[in-house]
Amino acid sequence: QVQPVESGGGLVQAGGSLRLSCAASKLTFRLYAMGWFRQAPGKERDFVAGISRNGDTTYYADSVKGRFTISRDNAKNIVYLQMNNLKPEDTAVYYCAANIVGITRVWNEYNYWGQGTQVTVSS
């Protein structure tokens, strides 16, 4: 199946760091822009970060700018989300997604989604 697979979530104290990974071995990975989204209980799915096909363009939500970094390794078909200085409000299920058209902040414009990984930040 082509569904990406996330990993790296967990429980961390405020101020700590986590690195999420998303492996997309079944996709022609280099053809897809990749995005990270998150969804907290009772809230909508929000854009976190996006990266272009070759990695030269990135976008971030204002709430994570300066703390999170998205990157990709097209040789390994993996996209990463490095999360530093985590805050309790970052607690959510994090999803990676692939978009054949390009980077967009709109979740329903993405073609393939992972199953999500839980990130919990304690205060």
PDB file of N, CA and C in Angstrom:
ATOM      1  N   GLN A   1       0.841  -1.184   0.000  1.00  0.00           N
ATOM      2  CA  GLN A   1       0.000   0.000   0.000  1.00  0.00           C
ATOM      3  C   GLN A   1       0.881   1.239   0.000  1.00  0.00           C
ATOM      4  N   VAL A   2       0.306   2.360  -0.423  1.00  0.00           N
ATOM      5  CA  VAL A   2       1.104   3.566  -0.577  1.00  0.00           C
ATOM      6  C   VAL A   2       1.066   4.453   0.651  1.00  0.00           C
ATOM      7  N   GLN A   3       0.339   4.063   1.680  1.00  0.00           N
ATOM      8  CA  GLN A   3       0.193   4.919   2.849  1.00  0.00           C
ATOM      9  C   GLN A   3       1.541   5.167   3.515  1.00  0.00           C
ATOM     10  N   PRO A   4       1.879   6.436   3.753  1.00  0.00           N
ATOM     11  CA  PRO A   4       3.102   6.729   4.497  1.00  0.00           C
ATOM     12  C   PRO A   4       2.982   6.213   5.932  1.00  0.00           C
ATOM     13  N   VAL A   5       4.105   6.026   6.586  1.00  0.00           N
ATOM     14  CA  VAL A   5       4.125   5.510   7.943  1.00  0.00           C
ATOM     15  C   VAL A   5       4.946   6.446   8.822  1.00  0.00           C
ATOM     16  N   GLU A   6       4.287   7.036   9.828  1.00  0.00           N
ATOM     17  CA  GLU A   6       4.964   7.946  10.756  1.00  0.00           C
ATOM     18  C   GLU A   6       5.545   7.169  11.937  1.00  0.00           C
ATOM     19  N   SER A   7       6.565   7.746  12.543  1.00  0.00           N
ATOM     20  CA  SER A   7       7.140   7.212  13.773  1.00  0.00           C
ATOM     21  C   SER A   7       7.820   8.349  14.510  1.00  0.00           C
ATOM     22  N   GLY A   8       8.149   8.089  15.779  1.00  0.00           N
ATOM     23  CA  GLY A   8       8.922   9.054  16.543  1.00  0.00           C
ATOM     24  C   GLY A   8       8.143   9.841  17.571  1.00  0.00           C
ATOM     25  N   GLY A   9       6.832   9.640  17.625  1.00  0.00           N
ATOM     26  CA  GLY A   9       6.060  10.338  18.635  1.00  0.00           C
ATOM     27  C   GLY A   9       6.336   9.815  20.031  1.00  0.00           C
ATOM     28  N   GLY A  10       5.781  10.494  21.020  1.00  0.00           N
ATOM     29  CA  GLY A  10       5.965  10.058  22.394  1.00  0.00           C
ATOM     30  C   GLY A  10       5.598  11.136  23.378  1.00  0.00           C
ATOM     31  N   LEU A  11       6.000  10.906  24.628  1.00  0.00           N
ATOM     32  CA  LEU A  11       5.747  11.835  25.717  1.00  0.00           C
ATOM     33  C   LEU A  11       7.037  12.579  26.043  1.00  0.00           C
ATOM     34  N   VAL A  12       6.941  13.894  26.116  1.00  0.00           N
ATOM     35  CA  VAL A  12       8.125  14.709  26.395  1.00  0.00           C
ATOM     36  C   VAL A  12       7.708  15.877  27.283  1.00  0.00           C
ATOM     37  N   GLN A  13       8.631  16.357  28.080  1.00  0.00           N
ATOM     38  CA  GLN A  13       8.352  17.518  28.916  1.00  0.00           C
ATOM     39  C   GLN A  13       8.451  18.799  28.098  1.00  0.00           C
ATOM     40  N   ALA A  14       7.765  19.813  28.555  1.00  0.00           N
ATOM     41  CA  ALA A  14       7.839  21.114  27.898  1.00  0.00           C
ATOM     42  C   ALA A  14       9.302  21.559  27.815  1.00  0.00           C
ATOM     43  N   GLY A  15       9.659  22.103  26.662  1.00  0.00           N
ATOM     44  CA  GLY A  15      11.041  22.501  26.409  1.00  0.00           C
ATOM     45  C   GLY A  15      11.880  21.428  25.755  1.00  0.00           C
ATOM     46  N   GLY A  16      11.363  20.219  25.698  1.00  0.00           N
ATOM     47  CA  GLY A  16      12.094  19.118  25.109  1.00  0.00           C
ATOM     48  C   GLY A  16      11.955  19.060  23.597  1.00  0.00           C
ATOM     49  N   SER A  17      12.520  17.996  23.031  1.00  0.00           N
ATOM     50  CA  SER A  17      12.550  17.841  21.578  1.00  0.00           C
ATOM     51  C   SER A  17      12.124  16.435  21.170  1.00  0.00           C
ATOM     52  N   LEU A  18      11.592  16.345  19.978  1.00  0.00           N
ATOM     53  CA  LEU A  18      11.282  15.074  19.338  1.00  0.00           C
ATOM     54  C   LEU A  18      11.553  15.218  17.854  1.00  0.00           C
ATOM     55  N   ARG A  19      11.893  14.104  17.210  1.00  0.00           N
ATOM     56  CA  ARG A  19      11.994  14.103  15.754  1.00  0.00           C
ATOM     57  C   ARG A  19      11.044  13.058  15.208  1.00  0.00           C
ATOM     58  N   LEU A  20      10.103  13.500  14.424  1.00  0.00           N
ATOM     59  CA  LEU A  20       9.187  12.599  13.751  1.00  0.00           C
ATOM     60  C   LEU A  20       9.751  12.219  12.387  1.00  0.00           C
ATOM     61  N   SER A  21       9.485  10.984  12.009  1.00  0.00           N
ATOM     62  CA  SER A  21       9.879  10.498  10.690  1.00  0.00           C
ATOM     63  C   SER A  21       8.640   9.981   9.961  1.00  0.00           C
ATOM     64  N   CYS A  22       8.680  10.076   8.658  1.00  0.00           N
ATOM     65  CA  CYS A  22       7.591   9.562   7.836  1.00  0.00           C
ATOM     66  C   CYS A  22       8.205   8.862   6.634  1.00  0.00           C
ATOM     67  N   ALA A  23       8.027   7.558   6.589  1.00  0.00           N
ATOM     68  CA  ALA A  23       8.576   6.754   5.502  1.00  0.00           C
ATOM     69  C   ALA A  23       7.498   6.504   4.458  1.00  0.00           C
ATOM     70  N   ALA A  24       7.850   6.750   3.211  1.00  0.00           N
ATOM     71  CA  ALA A  24       6.877   6.595   2.121  1.00  0.00           C
ATOM     72  C   ALA A  24       7.493   5.749   1.015  1.00  0.00           C
ATOM     73  N   SER A  25       7.807   4.514   1.350  1.00  0.00           N
ATOM     74  CA  SER A  25       8.570   3.663   0.437  1.00  0.00           C
ATOM     75  C   SER A  25       7.783   3.257  -0.806  1.00  0.00           C
ATOM     76  N   LYS A  26       6.464   3.278  -0.734  1.00  0.00           N
ATOM     77  CA  LYS A  26       5.656   2.823  -1.865  1.00  0.00           C
ATOM     78  C   LYS A  26       5.309   3.940  -2.834  1.00  0.00           C
ATOM     79  N   LEU A  27       5.666   5.165  -2.481  1.00  0.00           N
ATOM     80  CA  LEU A  27       5.403   6.285  -3.368  1.00  0.00           C
ATOM     81  C   LEU A  27       6.612   6.555  -4.257  1.00  0.00           C
ATOM     82  N   THR A  28       6.359   7.154  -5.405  1.00  0.00           N
ATOM     83  CA  THR A  28       7.465   7.767  -6.149  1.00  0.00           C
ATOM     84  C   THR A  28       7.721   9.095  -5.445  1.00  0.00           C
ATOM     85  N   PHE A  29       8.471   8.982  -4.376  1.00  0.00           N
ATOM     86  CA  PHE A  29       8.549  10.009  -3.336  1.00  0.00           C
ATOM     87  C   PHE A  29       8.942  11.373  -3.898  1.00  0.00           C
ATOM     88  N   ARG A  30       9.884  11.391  -4.817  1.00  0.00           N
ATOM     89  CA  ARG A  30      10.416  12.661  -5.314  1.00  0.00           C
ATOM     90  C   ARG A  30       9.375  13.468  -6.091  1.00  0.00           C
ATOM     91  N   LEU A  31       8.257  12.840  -6.465  1.00  0.00           N
ATOM     92  CA  LEU A  31       7.214  13.537  -7.219  1.00  0.00           C
ATOM     93  C   LEU A  31       6.219  14.264  -6.312  1.00  0.00           C
ATOM     94  N   TYR A  32       6.318  14.048  -4.993  1.00  0.00           N
ATOM     95  CA  TYR A  32       5.324  14.566  -4.073  1.00  0.00           C
ATOM     96  C   TYR A  32       5.902  15.623  -3.150  1.00  0.00           C
ATOM     97  N   ALA A  33       5.175  16.721  -3.026  1.00  0.00           N
ATOM     98  CA  ALA A  33       5.403  17.598  -1.886  1.00  0.00           C
ATOM     99  C   ALA A  33       4.879  16.880  -0.651  1.00  0.00           C
ATOM    100  N   MET A  34       5.486  17.170   0.480  1.00  0.00           N
ATOM    101  CA  MET A  34       5.099  16.499   1.721  1.00  0.00           C
ATOM    102  C   MET A  34       4.700  17.530   2.769  1.00  0.00           C
ATOM    103  N   GLY A  35       3.745  17.149   3.567  1.00  0.00           N
ATOM    104  CA  GLY A  35       3.299  18.044   4.628  1.00  0.00           C
ATOM    105  C   GLY A  35       3.123  17.307   5.941  1.00  0.00           C
ATOM    106  N   TRP A  36       3.238  18.046   7.024  1.00  0.00           N
ATOM    107  CA  TRP A  36       2.900  17.561   8.363  1.00  0.00           C
ATOM    108  C   TRP A  36       1.694  18.357   8.857  1.00  0.00           C
ATOM    109  N   PHE A  37       0.743  17.645   9.408  1.00  0.00           N
ATOM    110  CA  PHE A  37      -0.443  18.230  10.009  1.00  0.00           C
ATOM    111  C   PHE A  37      -0.576  17.689  11.421  1.00  0.00           C
ATOM    112  N   ARG A  38      -1.410  18.329  12.221  1.00  0.00           N
ATOM    113  CA  ARG A  38      -1.680  17.807  13.557  1.00  0.00           C
ATOM    114  C   ARG A  38      -3.141  18.048  13.911  1.00  0.00           C
ATOM    115  N   GLN A  39      -3.612  17.182  14.782  1.00  0.00           N
ATOM    116  CA  GLN A  39      -5.002  17.280  15.215  1.00  0.00           C
ATOM    117  C   GLN A  39      -5.089  16.950  16.695  1.00  0.00           C
ATOM    118  N   ALA A  40      -5.551  17.921  17.457  1.00  0.00           N
ATOM    119  CA  ALA A  40      -5.786  17.722  18.877  1.00  0.00           C
ATOM    120  C   ALA A  40      -7.233  17.290  19.075  1.00  0.00           C
ATOM    121  N   PRO A  41      -7.532  16.649  20.201  1.00  0.00           N
ATOM    122  CA  PRO A  41      -8.910  16.188  20.436  1.00  0.00           C
ATOM    123  C   PRO A  41      -9.910  17.326  20.345  1.00  0.00           C
ATOM    124  N   GLY A  42     -10.961  17.107  19.581  1.00  0.00           N
ATOM    125  CA  GLY A  42     -12.008  18.105  19.454  1.00  0.00           C
ATOM    126  C   GLY A  42     -11.683  19.277  18.560  1.00  0.00           C
ATOM    127  N   LYS A  43     -10.527  19.234  17.909  1.00  0.00           N
ATOM    128  CA  LYS A  43     -10.112  20.349  17.051  1.00  0.00           C
ATOM    129  C   LYS A  43      -9.935  19.877  15.612  1.00  0.00           C
ATOM    130  N   GLU A  44      -9.815  20.848  14.727  1.00  0.00           N
ATOM    131  CA  GLU A  44      -9.623  20.529  13.323  1.00  0.00           C
ATOM    132  C   GLU A  44      -8.166  20.118  13.064  1.00  0.00           C
ATOM    133  N   ARG A  45      -7.976  19.495  11.909  1.00  0.00           N
ATOM    134  CA  ARG A  45      -6.628  19.118  11.498  1.00  0.00           C
ATOM    135  C   ARG A  45      -5.937  20.364  10.944  1.00  0.00           C
ATOM    136  N   ASP A  46      -4.809  20.709  11.529  1.00  0.00           N
ATOM    137  CA  ASP A  46      -4.109  21.949  11.180  1.00  0.00           C
ATOM    138  C   ASP A  46      -2.787  21.682  10.482  1.00  0.00           C
ATOM    139  N   PHE A  47      -2.481  22.536   9.541  1.00  0.00           N
ATOM    140  CA  PHE A  47      -1.192  22.489   8.864  1.00  0.00           C
ATOM    141  C   PHE A  47      -0.083  22.857   9.843  1.00  0.00           C
ATOM    142  N   VAL A  48       1.010  22.111   9.781  1.00  0.00           N
ATOM    143  CA  VAL A  48       2.181  22.397  10.625  1.00  0.00           C
ATOM    144  C   VAL A  48       3.354  22.861   9.760  1.00  0.00           C
ATOM    145  N   ALA A  49       3.684  22.057   8.750  1.00  0.00           N
ATOM    146  CA  ALA A  49       4.838  22.381   7.907  1.00  0.00           C
ATOM    147  C   ALA A  49       4.710  21.653   6.578  1.00  0.00           C
ATOM    148  N   GLY A  50       5.336  22.216   5.551  1.00  0.00           N
ATOM    149  CA  GLY A  50       5.328  21.583   4.235  1.00  0.00           C
ATOM    150  C   GLY A  50       6.664  21.774   3.547  1.00  0.00           C
ATOM    151  N   ILE A  51       6.990  20.852   2.654  1.00  0.00           N
ATOM    152  CA  ILE A  51       8.267  20.907   1.942  1.00  0.00           C
ATOM    153  C   ILE A  51       8.042  20.515   0.494  1.00  0.00           C
ATOM    154  N   SER A  52       8.735  21.203  -0.389  1.00  0.00           N
ATOM    155  CA  SER A  52       8.583  20.954  -1.821  1.00  0.00           C
ATOM    156  C   SER A  52       9.244  19.645  -2.227  1.00  0.00           C
ATOM    157  N   ARG A  53       9.057  19.269  -3.463  1.00  0.00           N
ATOM    158  CA  ARG A  53       9.552  17.972  -3.958  1.00  0.00           C
ATOM    159  C   ARG A  53      11.059  17.807  -3.778  1.00  0.00           C
ATOM    160  N   ASN A  54      11.801  18.857  -4.055  1.00  0.00           N
ATOM    161  CA  ASN A  54      13.256  18.723  -3.949  1.00  0.00           C
ATOM    162  C   ASN A  54      13.796  19.308  -2.646  1.00  0.00           C
ATOM    163  N   GLY A  55      12.915  19.781  -1.801  1.00  0.00           N
ATOM    164  CA  GLY A  55      13.325  20.249  -0.483  1.00  0.00           C
ATOM    165  C   GLY A  55      13.796  21.682  -0.424  1.00  0.00           C
ATOM    166  N   ASP A  56      13.708  22.421  -1.518  1.00  0.00           N
ATOM    167  CA  ASP A  56      14.273  23.769  -1.495  1.00  0.00           C
ATOM    168  C   ASP A  56      13.298  24.822  -0.993  1.00  0.00           C
ATOM    169  N   THR A  57      12.050  24.435  -0.791  1.00  0.00           N
ATOM    170  CA  THR A  57      11.043  25.373  -0.290  1.00  0.00           C
ATOM    171  C   THR A  57      10.311  24.740   0.887  1.00  0.00           C
ATOM    172  N   THR A  58      10.185  25.501   1.953  1.00  0.00           N
ATOM    173  CA  THR A  58       9.469  25.029   3.130  1.00  0.00           C
ATOM    174  C   THR A  58       8.504  26.108   3.619  1.00  0.00           C
ATOM    175  N   TYR A  59       7.443  25.668   4.250  1.00  0.00           N
ATOM    176  CA  TYR A  59       6.459  26.566   4.854  1.00  0.00           C
ATOM    177  C   TYR A  59       6.137  26.045   6.250  1.00  0.00           C
ATOM    178  N   TYR A  60       5.806  26.977   7.132  1.00  0.00           N
ATOM    179  CA  TYR A  60       5.492  26.618   8.510  1.00  0.00           C
ATOM    180  C   TYR A  60       4.269  27.401   8.983  1.00  0.00           C
ATOM    181  N   ALA A  61       3.526  26.765   9.877  1.00  0.00           N
ATOM    182  CA  ALA A  61       2.503  27.504  10.601  1.00  0.00           C
ATOM    183  C   ALA A  61       3.197  28.503  11.520  1.00  0.00           C
ATOM    184  N   ASP A  62       2.558  29.629  11.736  1.00  0.00           N
ATOM    185  CA  ASP A  62       3.155  30.653  12.592  1.00  0.00           C
ATOM    186  C   ASP A  62       3.436  30.115  13.998  1.00  0.00           C
ATOM    187  N   SER A  63       2.597  29.213  14.459  1.00  0.00           N
ATOM    188  CA  SER A  63       2.724  28.704  15.829  1.00  0.00           C
ATOM    189  C   SER A  63       3.970  27.853  16.040  1.00  0.00           C
ATOM    190  N   VAL A  64       4.573  27.367  14.969  1.00  0.00           N
ATOM    191  CA  VAL A  64       5.750  26.491  15.122  1.00  0.00           C
ATOM    192  C   VAL A  64       7.008  27.084  14.489  1.00  0.00           C
ATOM    193  N   LYS A  65       6.857  28.220  13.830  1.00  0.00           N
ATOM    194  CA  LYS A  65       7.996  28.828  13.146  1.00  0.00           C
ATOM    195  C   LYS A  65       9.107  29.131  14.137  1.00  0.00           C
ATOM    196  N   GLY A  66      10.323  28.734  13.782  1.00  0.00           N
ATOM    197  CA  GLY A  66      11.461  28.942  14.661  1.00  0.00           C
ATOM    198  C   GLY A  66      11.693  27.812  15.642  1.00  0.00           C
ATOM    199  N   ARG A  67      10.727  26.917  15.776  1.00  0.00           N
ATOM    200  CA  ARG A  67      10.879  25.773  16.700  1.00  0.00           C
ATOM    201  C   ARG A  67      10.923  24.446  15.959  1.00  0.00           C
ATOM    202  N   PHE A  68      10.179  24.342  14.856  1.00  0.00           N
ATOM    203  CA  PHE A  68      10.101  23.092  14.096  1.00  0.00           C
ATOM    204  C   PHE A  68      10.845  23.258  12.779  1.00  0.00           C
ATOM    205  N   THR A  69      11.413  22.155  12.300  1.00  0.00           N
ATOM    206  CA  THR A  69      12.096  22.142  11.004  1.00  0.00           C
ATOM    207  C   THR A  69      11.688  20.898  10.230  1.00  0.00           C
ATOM    208  N   ILE A  70      11.211  21.119   9.021  1.00  0.00           N
ATOM    209  CA  ILE A  70      10.875  20.003   8.143  1.00  0.00           C
ATOM    210  C   ILE A  70      12.020  19.780   7.163  1.00  0.00           C
ATOM    211  N   SER A  71      12.316  18.527   6.878  1.00  0.00           N
ATOM    212  CA  SER A  71      13.355  18.191   5.907  1.00  0.00           C
ATOM    213  C   SER A  71      12.990  16.865   5.256  1.00  0.00           C
ATOM    214  N   ARG A  72      13.686  16.548   4.185  1.00  0.00           N
ATOM    215  CA  ARG A  72      13.397  15.292   3.501  1.00  0.00           C
ATOM    216  C   ARG A  72      14.680  14.708   2.928  1.00  0.00           C
ATOM    217  N   ASP A  73      14.678  13.387   2.783  1.00  0.00           N
ATOM    218  CA  ASP A  73      15.775  12.663   2.169  1.00  0.00           C
ATOM    219  C   ASP A  73      15.164  11.836   1.035  1.00  0.00           C
ATOM    220  N   ASN A  74      15.287  12.319  -0.180  1.00  0.00           N
ATOM    221  CA  ASN A  74      14.644  11.635  -1.302  1.00  0.00           C
ATOM    222  C   ASN A  74      15.313  10.295  -1.623  1.00  0.00           C
ATOM    223  N   ALA A  75      16.548  10.122  -1.227  1.00  0.00           N
ATOM    224  CA  ALA A  75      17.211   8.834  -1.453  1.00  0.00           C
ATOM    225  C   ALA A  75      16.627   7.751  -0.549  1.00  0.00           C
ATOM    226  N   LYS A  76      16.127   8.164   0.620  1.00  0.00           N
ATOM    227  CA  LYS A  76      15.570   7.209   1.579  1.00  0.00           C
ATOM    228  C   LYS A  76      14.040   7.237   1.620  1.00  0.00           C
ATOM    229  N   ASN A  77      13.434   8.129   0.866  1.00  0.00           N
ATOM    230  CA  ASN A  77      11.965   8.275   0.858  1.00  0.00           C
ATOM    231  C   ASN A  77      11.425   8.596   2.247  1.00  0.00           C
ATOM    232  N   ILE A  78      12.081   9.513   2.936  1.00  0.00           N
ATOM    233  CA  ILE A  78      11.692   9.868   4.299  1.00  0.00           C
ATOM    234  C   ILE A  78      11.575  11.384   4.416  1.00  0.00           C
ATOM    235  N   VAL A  79      10.560  11.826   5.137  1.00  0.00           N
ATOM    236  CA  VAL A  79      10.445  13.224   5.524  1.00  0.00           C
ATOM    237  C   VAL A  79      10.483  13.288   7.047  1.00  0.00           C
ATOM    238  N   TYR A  80      11.136  14.333   7.562  1.00  0.00           N
ATOM    239  CA  TYR A  80      11.331  14.484   8.998  1.00  0.00           C
ATOM    240  C   TYR A  80      10.654  15.757   9.489  1.00  0.00           C
ATOM    241  N   LEU A  81      10.326  15.745  10.765  1.00  0.00           N
ATOM    242  CA  LEU A  81       9.892  16.963  11.438  1.00  0.00           C
ATOM    243  C   LEU A  81      10.643  17.029  12.766  1.00  0.00           C
ATOM    244  N   GLN A  82      11.630  17.901  12.819  1.00  0.00           N
ATOM    245  CA  GLN A  82      12.365  18.138  14.059  1.00  0.00           C
ATOM    246  C   GLN A  82      11.611  19.168  14.872  1.00  0.00           C
ATOM    247  N   MET A  83      11.259  18.801  16.085  1.00  0.00           N
ATOM    248  CA  MET A  83      10.453  19.672  16.947  1.00  0.00           C
ATOM    249  C   MET A  83      11.257  20.005  18.196  1.00  0.00           C
ATOM    250  N   ASN A  84      11.579  21.257  18.365  1.00  0.00           N
ATOM    251  CA  ASN A  84      12.337  21.730  19.517  1.00  0.00           C
ATOM    252  C   ASN A  84      11.481  22.664  20.360  1.00  0.00           C
ATOM    253  N   ASN A  85      11.912  22.856  21.602  1.00  0.00           N
ATOM    254  CA  ASN A  85      11.201  23.747  22.521  1.00  0.00           C
ATOM    255  C   ASN A  85       9.699  23.457  22.500  1.00  0.00           C
ATOM    256  N   LEU A  86       9.365  22.217  22.695  1.00  0.00           N
ATOM    257  CA  LEU A  86       7.965  21.814  22.633  1.00  0.00           C
ATOM    258  C   LEU A  86       7.156  22.420  23.775  1.00  0.00           C
ATOM    259  N   LYS A  87       5.901  22.698  23.471  1.00  0.00           N
ATOM    260  CA  LYS A  87       4.984  23.310  24.422  1.00  0.00           C
ATOM    261  C   LYS A  87       3.777  22.400  24.601  1.00  0.00           C
ATOM    262  N   PRO A  88       3.097  22.508  25.726  1.00  0.00           N
ATOM    263  CA  PRO A  88       1.900  21.670  25.922  1.00  0.00           C
ATOM    264  C   PRO A  88       0.880  21.820  24.796  1.00  0.00           C
ATOM    265  N   GLU A  89       0.792  22.996  24.220  1.00  0.00           N
ATOM    266  CA  GLU A  89      -0.173  23.197  23.135  1.00  0.00           C
ATOM    267  C   GLU A  89       0.232  22.512  21.835  1.00  0.00           C
ATOM    268  N   ASP A  90       1.415  21.918  21.792  1.00  0.00           N
ATOM    269  CA  ASP A  90       1.819  21.109  20.639  1.00  0.00           C
ATOM    270  C   ASP A  90       1.273  19.685  20.723  1.00  0.00           C
ATOM    271  N   THR A  91       0.657  19.342  21.838  1.00  0.00           N
ATOM    272  CA  THR A  91       0.104  17.999  22.015  1.00  0.00           C
ATOM    273  C   THR A  91      -0.975  17.728  20.972  1.00  0.00           C
ATOM    274  N   ALA A  92      -0.805  16.641  20.223  1.00  0.00           N
ATOM    275  CA  ALA A  92      -1.732  16.302  19.146  1.00  0.00           C
ATOM    276  C   ALA A  92      -1.291  14.991  18.518  1.00  0.00           C
ATOM    277  N   VAL A  93      -2.135  14.460  17.650  1.00  0.00           N
ATOM    278  CA  VAL A  93      -1.709  13.405  16.738  1.00  0.00           C
ATOM    279  C   VAL A  93      -1.134  14.095  15.501  1.00  0.00           C
ATOM    280  N   TYR A  94       0.071  13.691  15.128  1.00  0.00           N
ATOM    281  CA  TYR A  94       0.757  14.285  13.988  1.00  0.00           C
ATOM    282  C   TYR A  94       0.680  13.333  12.798  1.00  0.00           C
ATOM    283  N   TYR A  95       0.313  13.905  11.664  1.00  0.00           N
ATOM    284  CA  TYR A  95       0.154  13.132  10.431  1.00  0.00           C
ATOM    285  C   TYR A  95       1.083  13.670   9.355  1.00  0.00           C
ATOM    286  N   CYS A  96       1.644  12.782   8.563  1.00  0.00           N
ATOM    287  CA  CYS A  96       2.310  13.250   7.359  1.00  0.00           C
ATOM    288  C   CYS A  96       1.426  12.912   6.162  1.00  0.00           C
ATOM    289  N   ALA A  97       1.594  13.695   5.106  1.00  0.00           N
ATOM    290  CA  ALA A  97       0.747  13.546   3.935  1.00  0.00           C
ATOM    291  C   ALA A  97       1.523  13.915   2.682  1.00  0.00           C
ATOM    292  N   ALA A  98       1.108  13.324   1.570  1.00  0.00           N
ATOM    293  CA  ALA A  98       1.780  13.529   0.290  1.00  0.00           C
ATOM    294  C   ALA A  98       0.830  14.195  -0.703  1.00  0.00           C
ATOM    295  N   ASN A  99       1.370  15.168  -1.425  1.00  0.00           N
ATOM    296  CA  ASN A  99       0.564  15.938  -2.369  1.00  0.00           C
ATOM    297  C   ASN A  99       1.265  16.010  -3.716  1.00  0.00           C
ATOM    298  N   ILE A 100       0.638  15.426  -4.730  1.00  0.00           N
ATOM    299  CA  ILE A 100       1.240  15.384  -6.064  1.00  0.00           C
ATOM    300  C   ILE A 100       1.282  16.770  -6.705  1.00  0.00           C
ATOM    301  N   VAL A 101       0.417  17.685  -6.266  1.00  0.00           N
ATOM    302  CA  VAL A 101       0.333  18.995  -6.907  1.00  0.00           C
ATOM    303  C   VAL A 101       1.416  19.938  -6.376  1.00  0.00           C
ATOM    304  N   GLY A 102       1.627  19.908  -5.064  1.00  0.00           N
ATOM    305  CA  GLY A 102       2.602  20.802  -4.461  1.00  0.00           C
ATOM    306  C   GLY A 102       2.228  21.101  -3.024  1.00  0.00           C
ATOM    307  N   ILE A 103       2.976  22.000  -2.393  1.00  0.00           N
ATOM    308  CA  ILE A 103       2.704  22.322  -0.997  1.00  0.00           C
ATOM    309  C   ILE A 103       1.390  23.094  -0.912  1.00  0.00           C
ATOM    310  N   THR A 104       0.552  22.681   0.014  1.00  0.00           N
ATOM    311  CA  THR A 104      -0.655  23.426   0.326  1.00  0.00           C
ATOM    312  C   THR A 104      -0.925  23.291   1.807  1.00  0.00           C
ATOM    313  N   ARG A 105      -1.580  24.265   2.364  1.00  0.00           N
ATOM    314  CA  ARG A 105      -1.925  24.233   3.784  1.00  0.00           C
ATOM    315  C   ARG A 105      -3.294  23.612   4.029  1.00  0.00           C
ATOM    316  N   VAL A 106      -3.944  23.157   2.970  1.00  0.00           N
ATOM    317  CA  VAL A 106      -5.301  22.620   3.056  1.00  0.00           C
ATOM    318  C   VAL A 106      -5.232  21.106   3.099  1.00  0.00           C
ATOM    319  N   TRP A 107      -5.714  20.525   4.204  1.00  0.00           N
ATOM    320  CA  TRP A 107      -5.490  19.110   4.406  1.00  0.00           C
ATOM    321  C   TRP A 107      -6.156  18.239   3.359  1.00  0.00           C
ATOM    322  N   ASN A 108      -7.329  18.621   2.891  1.00  0.00           N
ATOM    323  CA  ASN A 108      -8.037  17.731   1.967  1.00  0.00           C
ATOM    324  C   ASN A 108      -7.535  17.840   0.527  1.00  0.00           C
ATOM    325  N   GLU A 109      -6.468  18.558   0.311  1.00  0.00           N
ATOM    326  CA  GLU A 109      -5.831  18.591  -0.993  1.00  0.00           C
ATOM    327  C   GLU A 109      -4.667  17.605  -1.094  1.00  0.00           C
ATOM    328  N   TYR A 110      -4.415  16.872  -0.017  1.00  0.00           N
ATOM    329  CA  TYR A 110      -3.355  15.875  -0.020  1.00  0.00           C
ATOM    330  C   TYR A 110      -3.896  14.516  -0.437  1.00  0.00           C
ATOM    331  N   ASN A 111      -3.046  13.759  -1.121  1.00  0.00           N
ATOM    332  CA  ASN A 111      -3.486  12.510  -1.732  1.00  0.00           C
ATOM    333  C   ASN A 111      -3.354  11.294  -0.811  1.00  0.00           C
ATOM    334  N   TYR A 112      -2.301  11.241  -0.049  1.00  0.00           N
ATOM    335  CA  TYR A 112      -2.030  10.077   0.795  1.00  0.00           C
ATOM    336  C   TYR A 112      -1.682  10.536   2.204  1.00  0.00           C
ATOM    337  N   TRP A 113      -2.171   9.773   3.184  1.00  0.00           N
ATOM    338  CA  TRP A 113      -2.001  10.108   4.593  1.00  0.00           C
ATOM    339  C   TRP A 113      -1.451   8.927   5.365  1.00  0.00           C
ATOM    340  N   GLY A 114      -0.616   9.232   6.351  1.00  0.00           N
ATOM    341  CA  GLY A 114      -0.205   8.223   7.301  1.00  0.00           C
ATOM    342  C   GLY A 114      -1.264   8.036   8.375  1.00  0.00           C
ATOM    343  N   GLN A 115      -0.986   7.099   9.264  1.00  0.00           N
ATOM    344  CA  GLN A 115      -1.959   6.750  10.302  1.00  0.00           C
ATOM    345  C   GLN A 115      -1.853   7.672  11.522  1.00  0.00           C
ATOM    346  N   GLY A 116      -0.775   8.441  11.580  1.00  0.00           N
ATOM    347  CA  GLY A 116      -0.598   9.384  12.680  1.00  0.00           C
ATOM    348  C   GLY A 116       0.263   8.844  13.793  1.00  0.00           C
ATOM    349  N   THR A 117       0.909   9.752  14.509  1.00  0.00           N
ATOM    350  CA  THR A 117       1.709   9.400  15.678  1.00  0.00           C
ATOM    351  C   THR A 117       1.421  10.422  16.773  1.00  0.00           C
ATOM    352  N   GLN A 118       1.232   9.936  17.987  1.00  0.00           N
ATOM    353  CA  GLN A 118       0.837  10.797  19.105  1.00  0.00           C
ATOM    354  C   GLN A 118       2.054  11.520  19.682  1.00  0.00           C
ATOM    355  N   VAL A 119       1.906  12.818  19.855  1.00  0.00           N
ATOM    356  CA  VAL A 119       2.895  13.618  20.570  1.00  0.00           C
ATOM    357  C   VAL A 119       2.198  14.243  21.771  1.00  0.00           C
ATOM    358  N   THR A 120       2.748  14.000  22.952  1.00  0.00           N
ATOM    359  CA  THR A 120       2.189  14.552  24.174  1.00  0.00           C
ATOM    360  C   THR A 120       3.278  15.327  24.898  1.00  0.00           C
ATOM    361  N   VAL A 121       2.990  16.597  25.186  1.00  0.00           N
ATOM    362  CA  VAL A 121       3.951  17.455  25.861  1.00  0.00           C
ATOM    363  C   VAL A 121       3.389  17.809  27.230  1.00  0.00           C
ATOM    364  N   SER A 122       4.102  17.414  28.258  1.00  0.00           N
ATOM    365  CA  SER A 122       3.644  17.693  29.624  1.00  0.00           C
ATOM    366  C   SER A 122       4.235  19.004  30.123  1.00  0.00           C
ATOM    367  N   SER A 123       3.473  19.660  30.979  1.00  0.00           N
ATOM    368  CA  SER A 123       3.940  20.961  31.499  1.00  0.00           C
ATOM    369  C   SER A 123       4.743  20.789  32.777  1.00  0.00           C
TER     370      SER A 123
END
